PDB file of N, CA and C in Angstrom:
ATOM      1  N   MET A   1      -3.036  13.410   5.935  1.00  0.00           N
ATOM      2  CA  MET A   1      -2.405  12.106   6.133  1.00  0.00           C
ATOM      3  C   MET A   1      -2.536  11.328   4.820  1.00  0.00           C
ATOM      4  N   HIS A   2      -1.408  11.089   4.161  1.00  0.00           N
ATOM      5  CA  HIS A   2      -1.451  10.383   2.887  1.00  0.00           C
ATOM      6  C   HIS A   2      -1.705   8.890   3.059  1.00  0.00           C
ATOM      7  N   GLU A   3      -1.593   8.384   4.265  1.00  0.00           N
ATOM      8  CA  GLU A   3      -1.861   6.963   4.510  1.00  0.00           C
ATOM      9  C   GLU A   3      -3.313   6.607   4.213  1.00  0.00           C
ATOM     10  N   LEU A   4      -4.247   7.530   4.488  1.00  0.00           N
ATOM     11  CA  LEU A   4      -5.657   7.253   4.203  1.00  0.00           C
ATOM     12  C   LEU A   4      -5.882   7.100   2.699  1.00  0.00           C
ATOM     13  N   SER A   5      -5.235   7.921   1.891  1.00  0.00           N
ATOM     14  CA  SER A   5      -5.375   7.768   0.436  1.00  0.00           C
ATOM     15  C   SER A   5      -4.717   6.475  -0.036  1.00  0.00           C
ATOM     16  N   ILE A   6      -3.658   6.043   0.624  1.00  0.00           N
ATOM     17  CA  ILE A   6      -3.030   4.763   0.291  1.00  0.00           C
ATOM     18  C   ILE A   6      -3.992   3.622   0.597  1.00  0.00           C
ATOM     19  N   VAL A   7      -4.641   3.676   1.747  1.00  0.00           N
ATOM     20  CA  VAL A   7      -5.608   2.633   2.122  1.00  0.00           C
ATOM     21  C   VAL A   7      -6.766   2.609   1.132  1.00  0.00           C
ATOM     22  N   LYS A   8      -7.264   3.778   0.743  1.00  0.00           N
ATOM     23  CA  LYS A   8      -8.343   3.827  -0.256  1.00  0.00           C
ATOM     24  C   LYS A   8      -7.880   3.214  -1.576  1.00  0.00           C
ATOM     25  N   ASP A   9      -6.647   3.505  -1.970  1.00  0.00           N
ATOM     26  CA  ASP A   9      -6.100   2.917  -3.198  1.00  0.00           C
ATOM     27  C   ASP A   9      -5.991   1.399  -3.091  1.00  0.00           C
ATOM     28  N   ILE A  10      -5.624   0.903  -1.915  1.00  0.00           N
ATOM     29  CA  ILE A  10      -5.549  -0.547  -1.699  1.00  0.00           C
ATOM     30  C   ILE A  10      -6.916  -1.179  -1.925  1.00  0.00           C
ATOM     31  N   PHE A  11      -7.951  -0.590  -1.349  1.00  0.00           N
ATOM     32  CA  PHE A  11      -9.298  -1.144  -1.505  1.00  0.00           C
ATOM     33  C   PHE A  11      -9.814  -0.985  -2.930  1.00  0.00           C
ATOM     34  N   ASP A  12      -9.470   0.114  -3.591  1.00  0.00           N
ATOM     35  CA  ASP A  12      -9.852   0.278  -4.998  1.00  0.00           C
ATOM     36  C   ASP A  12      -9.203  -0.806  -5.851  1.00  0.00           C
ATOM     37  N   THR A  13      -7.951  -1.107  -5.568  1.00  0.00           N
ATOM     38  CA  THR A  13      -7.242  -2.156  -6.299  1.00  0.00           C
ATOM     39  C   THR A  13      -7.871  -3.513  -6.044  1.00  0.00           C
ATOM     40  N   LEU A  14      -8.155  -3.807  -4.778  1.00  0.00           N
ATOM     41  CA  LEU A  14      -8.780  -5.091  -4.435  1.00  0.00           C
ATOM     42  C   LEU A  14     -10.158  -5.229  -5.079  1.00  0.00           C
ATOM     43  N   GLU A  15     -10.957  -4.176  -5.014  1.00  0.00           N
ATOM     44  CA  GLU A  15     -12.295  -4.215  -5.607  1.00  0.00           C
ATOM     45  C   GLU A  15     -12.217  -4.362  -7.120  1.00  0.00           C
ATOM     46  N   GLY A  16     -11.252  -3.698  -7.738  1.00  0.00           N
ATOM     47  CA  GLY A  16     -11.076  -3.812  -9.182  1.00  0.00           C
ATOM     48  C   GLY A  16     -10.645  -5.205  -9.601  1.00  0.00           C
ATOM     49  N   HIS A  17      -9.864  -5.848  -8.773  1.00  0.00           N
ATOM     50  CA  HIS A  17      -9.341  -7.170  -9.111  1.00  0.00           C
ATOM     51  C   HIS A  17     -10.276  -8.300  -8.697  1.00  0.00           C
ATOM     52  N   TYR A  18     -10.863  -8.197  -7.507  1.00  0.00           N
ATOM     53  CA  TYR A  18     -11.671  -9.289  -6.964  1.00  0.00           C
ATOM     54  C   TYR A  18     -13.171  -9.036  -7.004  1.00  0.00           C
ATOM     55  N   GLY A  19     -13.593  -7.813  -7.282  1.00  0.00           N
ATOM     56  CA  GLY A  19     -15.021  -7.501  -7.338  1.00  0.00           C
ATOM     57  C   GLY A  19     -15.702  -7.729  -5.999  1.00  0.00           C
ATOM     58  N   ALA A  20     -16.847  -8.399  -6.027  1.00  0.00           N
ATOM     59  CA  ALA A  20     -17.636  -8.642  -4.812  1.00  0.00           C
ATOM     60  C   ALA A  20     -16.930  -9.571  -3.831  1.00  0.00           C
ATOM     61  N   ARG A  21     -15.960 -10.343  -4.308  1.00  0.00           N
ATOM     62  CA  ARG A  21     -15.235 -11.257  -3.424  1.00  0.00           C
ATOM     63  C   ARG A  21     -14.356 -10.527  -2.405  1.00  0.00           C
ATOM     64  N   VAL A  22     -14.153  -9.235  -2.575  1.00  0.00           N
ATOM     65  CA  VAL A  22     -13.288  -8.496  -1.668  1.00  0.00           C
ATOM     66  C   VAL A  22     -13.804  -8.555  -0.227  1.00  0.00           C
ATOM     67  N   GLU A  23     -15.097  -8.726  -0.044  1.00  0.00           N
ATOM     68  CA  GLU A  23     -15.643  -8.827   1.308  1.00  0.00           C
ATOM     69  C   GLU A  23     -15.277 -10.156   1.973  1.00  0.00           C
ATOM     70  N   ASP A  24     -14.764 -11.116   1.194  1.00  0.00           N
ATOM     71  CA  ASP A  24     -14.321 -12.403   1.734  1.00  0.00           C
ATOM     72  C   ASP A  24     -12.839 -12.399   2.106  1.00  0.00           C
ATOM     73  N   VAL A  25     -12.184 -11.258   1.947  1.00  0.00           N
ATOM     74  CA  VAL A  25     -10.761 -11.162   2.291  1.00  0.00           C
ATOM     75  C   VAL A  25     -10.620 -11.131   3.803  1.00  0.00           C
ATOM     76  N   GLN A  26      -9.752 -11.980   4.306  1.00  0.00           N
ATOM     77  CA  GLN A  26      -9.481 -12.042   5.744  1.00  0.00           C
ATOM     78  C   GLN A  26      -8.305 -11.149   6.120  1.00  0.00           C
ATOM     79  N   GLN A  27      -7.262 -11.182   5.274  1.00  0.00           N
ATOM     80  CA  GLN A  27      -6.057 -10.418   5.601  1.00  0.00           C
ATOM     81  C   GLN A  27      -5.409  -9.880   4.337  1.00  0.00           C
ATOM     82  N   ILE A  28      -4.895  -8.670   4.446  1.00  0.00           N
ATOM     83  CA  ILE A  28      -4.127  -8.044   3.382  1.00  0.00           C
ATOM     84  C   ILE A  28      -2.722  -7.814   3.921  1.00  0.00           C
ATOM     85  N   GLN A  29      -1.734  -8.172   3.121  1.00  0.00           N
ATOM     86  CA  GLN A  29      -0.350  -7.877   3.487  1.00  0.00           C
ATOM     87  C   GLN A  29       0.174  -6.838   2.497  1.00  0.00           C
ATOM     88  N   VAL A  30       0.722  -5.771   3.029  1.00  0.00           N
ATOM     89  CA  VAL A  30       1.294  -4.709   2.216  1.00  0.00           C
ATOM     90  C   VAL A  30       2.788  -4.651   2.520  1.00  0.00           C
ATOM     91  N   THR A  31       3.590  -4.598   1.460  1.00  0.00           N
ATOM     92  CA  THR A  31       5.036  -4.469   1.620  1.00  0.00           C
ATOM     93  C   THR A  31       5.420  -3.035   1.299  1.00  0.00           C
ATOM     94  N   ALA A  32       6.157  -2.415   2.219  1.00  0.00           N
ATOM     95  CA  ALA A  32       6.571  -1.024   2.061  1.00  0.00           C
ATOM     96  C   ALA A  32       8.061  -0.912   2.348  1.00  0.00           C
ATOM     97  N   GLY A  33       8.784  -0.312   1.432  1.00  0.00           N
ATOM     98  CA  GLY A  33      10.205  -0.068   1.653  1.00  0.00           C
ATOM     99  C   GLY A  33      10.408   1.118   2.580  1.00  0.00           C
ATOM    100  N   LEU A  34      11.553   1.152   3.228  1.00  0.00           N
ATOM    101  CA  LEU A  34      11.843   2.252   4.149  1.00  0.00           C
ATOM    102  C   LEU A  34      11.830   3.616   3.461  1.00  0.00           C
ATOM    103  N   LEU A  35      12.101   3.645   2.165  1.00  0.00           N
ATOM    104  CA  LEU A  35      12.107   4.913   1.438  1.00  0.00           C
ATOM    105  C   LEU A  35      10.731   5.301   0.891  1.00  0.00           C
ATOM    106  N   SER A  36       9.727   4.460   1.103  1.00  0.00           N
ATOM    107  CA  SER A  36       8.392   4.731   0.557  1.00  0.00           C
ATOM    108  C   SER A  36       7.637   5.781   1.358  1.00  0.00           C
ATOM    109  N   ASN A  37       8.183   6.185   2.476  1.00  0.00           N
ATOM    110  CA  ASN A  37       7.574   7.215   3.327  1.00  0.00           C
ATOM    111  C   ASN A  37       6.233   6.764   3.904  1.00  0.00           C
ATOM    112  N   VAL A  38       6.110   5.466   4.168  1.00  0.00           N
ATOM    113  CA  VAL A  38       4.907   4.918   4.775  1.00  0.00           C
ATOM    114  C   VAL A  38       5.250   4.478   6.194  1.00  0.00           C
ATOM    115  N   GLN A  39       4.494   4.984   7.148  1.00  0.00           N
ATOM    116  CA  GLN A  39       4.689   4.614   8.541  1.00  0.00           C
ATOM    117  C   GLN A  39       3.699   3.502   8.888  1.00  0.00           C
ATOM    118  N   PRO A  40       4.179   2.317   9.288  1.00  0.00           N
ATOM    119  CA  PRO A  40       3.273   1.208   9.584  1.00  0.00           C
ATOM    120  C   PRO A  40       2.167   1.550  10.581  1.00  0.00           C
ATOM    121  N   VAL A  41       2.476   2.282  11.630  1.00  0.00           N
ATOM    122  CA  VAL A  41       1.466   2.639  12.632  1.00  0.00           C
ATOM    123  C   VAL A  41       0.404   3.548  12.010  1.00  0.00           C
ATOM    124  N   LEU A  42       0.820   4.499  11.204  1.00  0.00           N
ATOM    125  CA  LEU A  42      -0.131   5.427  10.600  1.00  0.00           C
ATOM    126  C   LEU A  42      -1.003   4.744   9.559  1.00  0.00           C
ATOM    127  N   ILE A  43      -0.417   3.825   8.777  1.00  0.00           N
ATOM    128  CA  ILE A  43      -1.228   3.118   7.790  1.00  0.00           C
ATOM    129  C   ILE A  43      -2.201   2.169   8.488  1.00  0.00           C
ATOM    130  N   GLN A  44      -1.799   1.598   9.622  1.00  0.00           N
ATOM    131  CA  GLN A  44      -2.713   0.747  10.394  1.00  0.00           C
ATOM    132  C   GLN A  44      -3.872   1.575  10.934  1.00  0.00           C
ATOM    133  N   ASN A  45      -3.581   2.763  11.437  1.00  0.00           N
ATOM    134  CA  ASN A  45      -4.635   3.653  11.935  1.00  0.00           C
ATOM    135  C   ASN A  45      -5.597   4.060  10.813  1.00  0.00           C
ATOM    136  N   ALA A  46      -5.045   4.364   9.645  1.00  0.00           N
ATOM    137  CA  ALA A  46      -5.881   4.729   8.502  1.00  0.00           C
ATOM    138  C   ALA A  46      -6.729   3.539   8.059  1.00  0.00           C
ATOM    139  N   PHE A  47      -6.151   2.352   8.086  1.00  0.00           N
ATOM    140  CA  PHE A  47      -6.883   1.131   7.747  1.00  0.00           C
ATOM    141  C   PHE A  47      -8.037   0.915   8.723  1.00  0.00           C
ATOM    142  N   ASP A  48      -7.761   1.047  10.010  1.00  0.00           N
ATOM    143  CA  ASP A  48      -8.793   0.878  11.035  1.00  0.00           C
ATOM    144  C   ASP A  48      -9.924   1.892  10.847  1.00  0.00           C
ATOM    145  N   ALA A  49      -9.580   3.128  10.526  1.00  0.00           N
ATOM    146  CA  ALA A  49     -10.598   4.164  10.300  1.00  0.00           C
ATOM    147  C   ALA A  49     -11.432   3.834   9.062  1.00  0.00           C
ATOM    148  N   PHE A  50     -10.782   3.329   8.023  1.00  0.00           N
ATOM    149  CA  PHE A  50     -11.492   2.995   6.788  1.00  0.00           C
ATOM    150  C   PHE A  50     -12.482   1.854   7.011  1.00  0.00           C
ATOM    151  N   ILE A  51     -12.040   0.793   7.694  1.00  0.00           N
ATOM    152  CA  ILE A  51     -12.949  -0.339   7.885  1.00  0.00           C
ATOM    153  C   ILE A  51     -14.048  -0.005   8.896  1.00  0.00           C
ATOM    154  N   ALA A  52     -13.810   0.954   9.785  1.00  0.00           N
ATOM    155  CA  ALA A  52     -14.868   1.379  10.709  1.00  0.00           C
ATOM    156  C   ALA A  52     -16.008   2.050   9.949  1.00  0.00           C
ATOM    157  N   GLU A  53     -15.680   2.735   8.856  1.00  0.00           N
ATOM    158  CA  GLU A  53     -16.687   3.397   8.027  1.00  0.00           C
ATOM    159  C   GLU A  53     -17.298   2.458   6.995  1.00  0.00           C
ATOM    160  N   ASN A  54     -16.641   1.336   6.726  1.00  0.00           N
ATOM    161  CA  ASN A  54     -17.095   0.386   5.712  1.00  0.00           C
ATOM    162  C   ASN A  54     -17.265  -0.969   6.376  1.00  0.00           C
ATOM    163  N   ARG A  55     -18.429  -1.171   6.988  1.00  0.00           N
ATOM    164  CA  ARG A  55     -18.691  -2.344   7.833  1.00  0.00           C
ATOM    165  C   ARG A  55     -18.536  -3.673   7.110  1.00  0.00           C
ATOM    166  N   GLY A  56     -18.614  -3.703   5.793  1.00  0.00           N
ATOM    167  CA  GLY A  56     -18.439  -4.948   5.053  1.00  0.00           C
ATOM    168  C   GLY A  56     -17.036  -5.513   5.187  1.00  0.00           C
ATOM    169  N   TYR A  57     -16.100  -4.683   5.627  1.00  0.00           N
ATOM    170  CA  TYR A  57     -14.706  -5.097   5.780  1.00  0.00           C
ATOM    171  C   TYR A  57     -14.301  -5.256   7.243  1.00  0.00           C
ATOM    172  N   ALA A  58     -15.270  -5.296   8.140  1.00  0.00           N
ATOM    173  CA  ALA A  58     -15.013  -5.238   9.580  1.00  0.00           C
ATOM    174  C   ALA A  58     -14.082  -6.331  10.094  1.00  0.00           C
ATOM    175  N   GLU A  59     -14.087  -7.496   9.485  1.00  0.00           N
ATOM    176  CA  GLU A  59     -13.255  -8.605   9.984  1.00  0.00           C
ATOM    177  C   GLU A  59     -11.891  -8.682   9.286  1.00  0.00           C
ATOM    178  N   MET A  60     -11.607  -7.753   8.412  1.00  0.00           N
ATOM    179  CA  MET A  60     -10.366  -7.774   7.642  1.00  0.00           C
ATOM    180  C   MET A  60      -9.200  -7.258   8.491  1.00  0.00           C
ATOM    181  N   GLU A  61      -8.037  -7.845   8.271  1.00  0.00           N
ATOM    182  CA  GLU A  61      -6.831  -7.444   8.992  1.00  0.00           C
ATOM    183  C   GLU A  61      -5.780  -6.942   8.006  1.00  0.00           C
ATOM    184  N   LEU A  62      -4.891  -6.118   8.503  1.00  0.00           N
ATOM    185  CA  LEU A  62      -3.796  -5.589   7.693  1.00  0.00           C
ATOM    186  C   LEU A  62      -2.474  -5.947   8.351  1.00  0.00           C
ATOM    187  N   GLU A  63      -1.542  -6.398   7.537  1.00  0.00           N
ATOM    188  CA  GLU A  63      -0.173  -6.625   7.994  1.00  0.00           C
ATOM    189  C   GLU A  63       0.741  -5.797   7.096  1.00  0.00           C
ATOM    190  N   VAL A  64       1.633  -5.037   7.692  1.00  0.00           N
ATOM    191  CA  VAL A  64       2.585  -4.233   6.930  1.00  0.00           C
ATOM    192  C   VAL A  64       3.979  -4.820   7.130  1.00  0.00           C
ATOM    193  N   VAL A  65       4.603  -5.202   6.027  1.00  0.00           N
ATOM    194  CA  VAL A  65       5.969  -5.718   6.042  1.00  0.00           C
ATOM    195  C   VAL A  65       6.866  -4.596   5.541  1.00  0.00           C
ATOM    196  N   VAL A  66       7.896  -4.273   6.303  1.00  0.00           N
ATOM    197  CA  VAL A  66       8.803  -3.191   5.938  1.00  0.00           C
ATOM    198  C   VAL A  66      10.105  -3.782   5.395  1.00  0.00           C
ATOM    199  N   ASN A  67      10.448  -3.377   4.169  1.00  0.00           N
ATOM    200  CA  ASN A  67      11.692  -3.830   3.545  1.00  0.00           C
ATOM    201  C   ASN A  67      12.816  -2.839   3.830  1.00  0.00           C
ATOM    202  N   ASP A  68      13.991  -3.376   4.126  1.00  0.00           N
ATOM    203  CA  ASP A  68      15.174  -2.556   4.301  1.00  0.00           C
ATOM    204  C   ASP A  68      15.621  -1.986   2.953  1.00  0.00           C
ATOM    205  N   ILE A  69      16.528  -1.047   2.998  1.00  0.00           N
ATOM    206  CA  ILE A  69      17.063  -0.450   1.782  1.00  0.00           C
ATOM    207  C   ILE A  69      18.270  -1.263   1.326  1.00  0.00           C
ATOM    208  N   VAL A  70      18.262  -1.608   0.039  1.00  0.00           N
ATOM    209  CA  VAL A  70      19.372  -2.327  -0.574  1.00  0.00           C
ATOM    210  C   VAL A  70      19.753  -1.571  -1.841  1.00  0.00           C
ATOM    211  N   ALA A  71      21.051  -1.357  -2.025  1.00  0.00           N
ATOM    212  CA  ALA A  71      21.556  -0.666  -3.212  1.00  0.00           C
ATOM    213  C   ALA A  71      22.501  -1.593  -3.975  1.00  0.00           C
ATOM    214  N   TYR A  72      22.847  -1.176  -5.192  1.00  0.00           N
ATOM    215  CA  TYR A  72      23.728  -1.959  -6.058  1.00  0.00           C
ATOM    216  C   TYR A  72      24.988  -1.155  -6.340  1.00  0.00           C
ATOM    217  N   CYS A  73      26.135  -1.805  -6.208  1.00  0.00           N
ATOM    218  CA  CYS A  73      27.420  -1.165  -6.477  1.00  0.00           C
ATOM    219  C   CYS A  73      27.875  -1.538  -7.889  1.00  0.00           C
ATOM    220  N   ASP A  74      28.085  -0.523  -8.740  1.00  0.00           N
ATOM    221  CA  ASP A  74      28.544  -0.769 -10.104  1.00  0.00           C
ATOM    222  C   ASP A  74      29.989  -1.278 -10.136  1.00  0.00           C
ATOM    223  N   VAL A  75      30.770  -0.927  -9.133  1.00  0.00           N
ATOM    224  CA  VAL A  75      32.170  -1.345  -9.096  1.00  0.00           C
ATOM    225  C   VAL A  75      32.277  -2.821  -8.706  1.00  0.00           C
ATOM    226  N   CYS A  76      31.641  -3.196  -7.591  1.00  0.00           N
ATOM    227  CA  CYS A  76      31.681  -4.582  -7.101  1.00  0.00           C
ATOM    228  C   CYS A  76      30.692  -5.487  -7.835  1.00  0.00           C
ATOM    229  N   GLN A  77      29.695  -4.863  -8.442  1.00  0.00           N
ATOM    230  CA  GLN A  77      28.599  -5.570  -9.100  1.00  0.00           C
ATOM    231  C   GLN A  77      27.862  -6.491  -8.118  1.00  0.00           C
ATOM    232  N   GLN A  78      27.630  -5.933  -6.915  1.00  0.00           N
ATOM    233  CA  GLN A  78      26.902  -6.668  -5.884  1.00  0.00           C
ATOM    234  C   GLN A  78      25.943  -5.728  -5.162  1.00  0.00           C
ATOM    235  N   ASN A  79      24.903  -6.327  -4.606  1.00  0.00           N
ATOM    236  CA  ASN A  79      23.973  -5.575  -3.762  1.00  0.00           C
ATOM    237  C   ASN A  79      24.577  -5.423  -2.373  1.00  0.00           C
ATOM    238  N   PHE A  80      24.224  -4.328  -1.697  1.00  0.00           N
ATOM    239  CA  PHE A  80      24.679  -4.133  -0.328  1.00  0.00           C
ATOM    240  C   PHE A  80      23.586  -3.434   0.470  1.00  0.00           C
ATOM    241  N   PRO A  81      23.491  -3.725   1.778  1.00  0.00           N
ATOM    242  CA  PRO A  81      22.485  -3.062   2.610  1.00  0.00           C
ATOM    243  C   PRO A  81      22.881  -1.616   2.891  1.00  0.00           C
ATOM    244  N   VAL A  82      21.879  -0.763   2.938  1.00  0.00           N
ATOM    245  CA  VAL A  82      22.098   0.648   3.233  1.00  0.00           C
ATOM    246  C   VAL A  82      21.691   0.874   4.683  1.00  0.00           C
ATOM    247  N   HIS A  83      22.623   1.405   5.461  1.00  0.00           N
ATOM    248  CA  HIS A  83      22.350   1.678   6.871  1.00  0.00           C
ATOM    249  C   HIS A  83      22.444   3.183   7.113  1.00  0.00           C
ATOM    250  N   TYR A  84      21.484   3.707   7.863  1.00  0.00           N
ATOM    251  CA  TYR A  84      21.455   5.129   8.223  1.00  0.00           C
ATOM    252  C   TYR A  84      21.492   6.028   6.987  1.00  0.00           C
ATOM    253  N   HIS A  85      20.863   5.572   5.907  1.00  0.00           N
ATOM    254  CA  HIS A  85      20.762   6.310   4.646  1.00  0.00           C
ATOM    255  C   HIS A  85      22.129   6.669   4.065  1.00  0.00           C
ATOM    256  N   ARG A  86      23.123   5.836   4.347  1.00  0.00           N
ATOM    257  CA  ARG A  86      24.459   6.006   3.743  1.00  0.00           C
ATOM    258  C   ARG A  86      24.576   5.011   2.601  1.00  0.00           C
ATOM    259  N   PHE A  87      24.523   5.514   1.396  1.00  0.00           N
ATOM    260  CA  PHE A  87      24.585   4.684   0.201  1.00  0.00           C
ATOM    261  C   PHE A  87      26.040   4.455  -0.209  1.00  0.00           C
ATOM    262  N   VAL A  88      26.793   3.845   0.711  1.00  0.00           N
ATOM    263  CA  VAL A  88      28.216   3.581   0.476  1.00  0.00           C
ATOM    264  C   VAL A  88      28.441   2.090   0.596  1.00  0.00           C
ATOM    265  N   CYS A  89      28.976   1.508  -0.482  1.00  0.00           N
ATOM    266  CA  CYS A  89      29.271   0.075  -0.538  1.00  0.00           C
ATOM    267  C   CYS A  89      30.410  -0.250   0.435  1.00  0.00           C
ATOM    268  N   PRO A  90      30.488  -1.484   0.912  1.00  0.00           N
ATOM    269  CA  PRO A  90      31.623  -1.871   1.748  1.00  0.00           C
ATOM    270  C   PRO A  90      32.981  -1.635   1.065  1.00  0.00           C
ATOM    271  N   CYS A  91      33.017  -1.569  -0.283  1.00  0.00           N
ATOM    272  CA  CYS A  91      34.274  -1.297  -0.997  1.00  0.00           C
ATOM    273  C   CYS A  91      34.657   0.175  -0.912  1.00  0.00           C
ATOM    274  N   GLY A  92      33.733   1.016  -0.392  1.00  0.00           N
ATOM    275  CA  GLY A  92      34.026   2.434  -0.217  1.00  0.00           C
ATOM    276  C   GLY A  92      33.425   3.338  -1.279  1.00  0.00           C
ATOM    277  N   ARG A  93      32.834   2.775  -2.320  1.00  0.00           N
ATOM    278  CA  ARG A  93      32.245   3.575  -3.388  1.00  0.00           C
ATOM    279  C   ARG A  93      30.784   3.890  -3.076  1.00  0.00           C
ATOM    280  N   SER A  94      30.360   5.076  -3.442  1.00  0.00           N
ATOM    281  CA  SER A  94      28.954   5.427  -3.234  1.00  0.00           C
ATOM    282  C   SER A  94      28.131   4.959  -4.431  1.00  0.00           C
ATOM    283  N   SER A  95      26.849   4.773  -4.181  1.00  0.00           N
ATOM    284  CA  SER A  95      25.947   4.307  -5.227  1.00  0.00           C
ATOM    285  C   SER A  95      24.574   4.923  -5.014  1.00  0.00           C
ATOM    286  N   SER A  96      23.891   5.197  -6.108  1.00  0.00           N
ATOM    287  CA  SER A  96      22.523   5.697  -6.032  1.00  0.00           C
ATOM    288  C   SER A  96      21.539   4.741  -6.695  1.00  0.00           C
ATOM    289  N   THR A  97      22.006   3.538  -6.988  1.00  0.00           N
ATOM    290  CA  THR A  97      21.149   2.537  -7.625  1.00  0.00           C
ATOM    291  C   THR A  97      20.416   1.749  -6.545  1.00  0.00           C
ATOM    292  N   ILE A  98      19.131   2.042  -6.383  1.00  0.00           N
ATOM    293  CA  ILE A  98      18.326   1.390  -5.353  1.00  0.00           C
ATOM    294  C   ILE A  98      17.718   0.114  -5.918  1.00  0.00           C
ATOM    295  N   VAL A  99      17.951  -0.995  -5.231  1.00  0.00           N
ATOM    296  CA  VAL A  99      17.414  -2.289  -5.633  1.00  0.00           C
ATOM    297  C   VAL A  99      16.132  -2.583  -4.858  1.00  0.00           C
ATOM    298  N   GLN A 100      16.102  -2.181  -3.611  1.00  0.00           N
ATOM    299  CA  GLN A 100      14.958  -2.435  -2.738  1.00  0.00           C
ATOM    300  C   GLN A 100      14.871  -1.307  -1.727  1.00  0.00           C
ATOM    301  N   GLY A 101      13.637  -0.943  -1.387  1.00  0.00           N
ATOM    302  CA  GLY A 101      13.459   0.042  -0.329  1.00  0.00           C
ATOM    303  C   GLY A 101      12.503   1.166  -0.655  1.00  0.00           C
ATOM    304  N   ASN A 102      12.155   1.337  -1.947  1.00  0.00           N
ATOM    305  CA  ASN A 102      11.212   2.401  -2.284  1.00  0.00           C
ATOM    306  C   ASN A 102       9.871   1.859  -2.770  1.00  0.00           C
ATOM    307  N   GLU A 103       9.649   0.556  -2.587  1.00  0.00           N
ATOM    308  CA  GLU A 103       8.431  -0.079  -3.080  1.00  0.00           C
ATOM    309  C   GLU A 103       7.259   0.064  -2.108  1.00  0.00           C
ATOM    310  N   LEU A 104       6.069  -0.055  -2.670  1.00  0.00           N
ATOM    311  CA  LEU A 104       4.840  -0.091  -1.894  1.00  0.00           C
ATOM    312  C   LEU A 104       3.835  -0.874  -2.726  1.00  0.00           C
ATOM    313  N   TYR A 105       3.479  -2.061  -2.253  1.00  0.00           N
ATOM    314  CA  TYR A 105       2.566  -2.898  -3.031  1.00  0.00           C
ATOM    315  C   TYR A 105       1.828  -3.888  -2.126  1.00  0.00           C
ATOM    316  N   ILE A 106       0.717  -4.395  -2.656  1.00  0.00           N
ATOM    317  CA  ILE A 106      -0.029  -5.456  -1.976  1.00  0.00           C
ATOM    318  C   ILE A 106       0.716  -6.750  -2.260  1.00  0.00           C
ATOM    319  N   SER A 107       1.258  -7.363  -1.228  1.00  0.00           N
ATOM    320  CA  SER A 107       2.080  -8.551  -1.428  1.00  0.00           C
ATOM    321  C   SER A 107       1.338  -9.859  -1.185  1.00  0.00           C
ATOM    322  N   LYS A 108       0.219  -9.798  -0.460  1.00  0.00           N
ATOM    323  CA  LYS A 108      -0.526 -11.026  -0.195  1.00  0.00           C
ATOM    324  C   LYS A 108      -1.966 -10.690   0.153  1.00  0.00           C
ATOM    325  N   VAL A 109      -2.878 -11.526  -0.354  1.00  0.00           N
ATOM    326  CA  VAL A 109      -4.293 -11.415  -0.018  1.00  0.00           C
ATOM    327  C   VAL A 109      -4.747 -12.799   0.425  1.00  0.00           C
ATOM    328  N   ILE A 110      -5.256 -12.894   1.643  1.00  0.00           N
ATOM    329  CA  ILE A 110      -5.724 -14.170   2.188  1.00  0.00           C
ATOM    330  C   ILE A 110      -7.238 -14.101   2.337  1.00  0.00           C
ATOM    331  N   PHE A 111      -7.904 -15.085   1.767  1.00  0.00           N
ATOM    332  CA  PHE A 111      -9.362 -15.150   1.839  1.00  0.00           C
ATOM    333  C   PHE A 111      -9.799 -16.007   3.020  1.00  0.00           C
ATOM    334  N   LYS A 112     -11.012 -15.740   3.511  1.00  0.00           N
ATOM    335  CA  LYS A 112     -11.601 -16.556   4.573  1.00  0.00           C
ATOM    336  C   LYS A 112     -11.810 -17.967   4.041  1.00  0.00           C
ATOM    337  N   GLN A 113     -11.623 -18.937   4.908  1.00  0.00           N
ATOM    338  CA  GLN A 113     -11.854 -20.319   4.541  1.00  0.00           C
ATOM    339  C   GLN A 113     -13.352 -20.589   4.507  1.00  0.00           C
ATOM    340  N   GLU A 114     -13.796 -21.249   3.459  1.00  0.00           N
ATOM    341  CA  GLU A 114     -15.211 -21.599   3.383  1.00  0.00           C
ATOM    342  C   GLU A 114     -15.509 -22.728   4.342  1.00  0.00           C
ATOM    343  N   LYS A 115     -16.679 -22.680   4.966  1.00  0.00           N
ATOM    344  CA  LYS A 115     -17.046 -23.691   5.953  1.00  0.00           C
ATOM    345  C   LYS A 115     -17.973 -24.706   5.359  1.00  0.00           C
TER     346      LYS A 115
END
């Protein structure tokens, strides 16, 4: 399951960027495009398994935002949504220029409020 390695990479990135403060993170938001081959349910399961083994992160939550696929038409010079993996612009021309949909990144980190 490659989702577990993705979750480990997320925590490595957070630890590298925030150091010891990573234990104060309340929520992580990850944005994944439909072409990134990431299944939200599987990444959530991998996240849950990871935090079960790493009790310092027990109160942390994960939110996965899935981006639709958007391509660019060189003829119309406009972006268009891709449905059912058909990269055909409404003008009828095909395109392989992906604008959105293959990304995978940490889009938001929310820290616990200090009391």
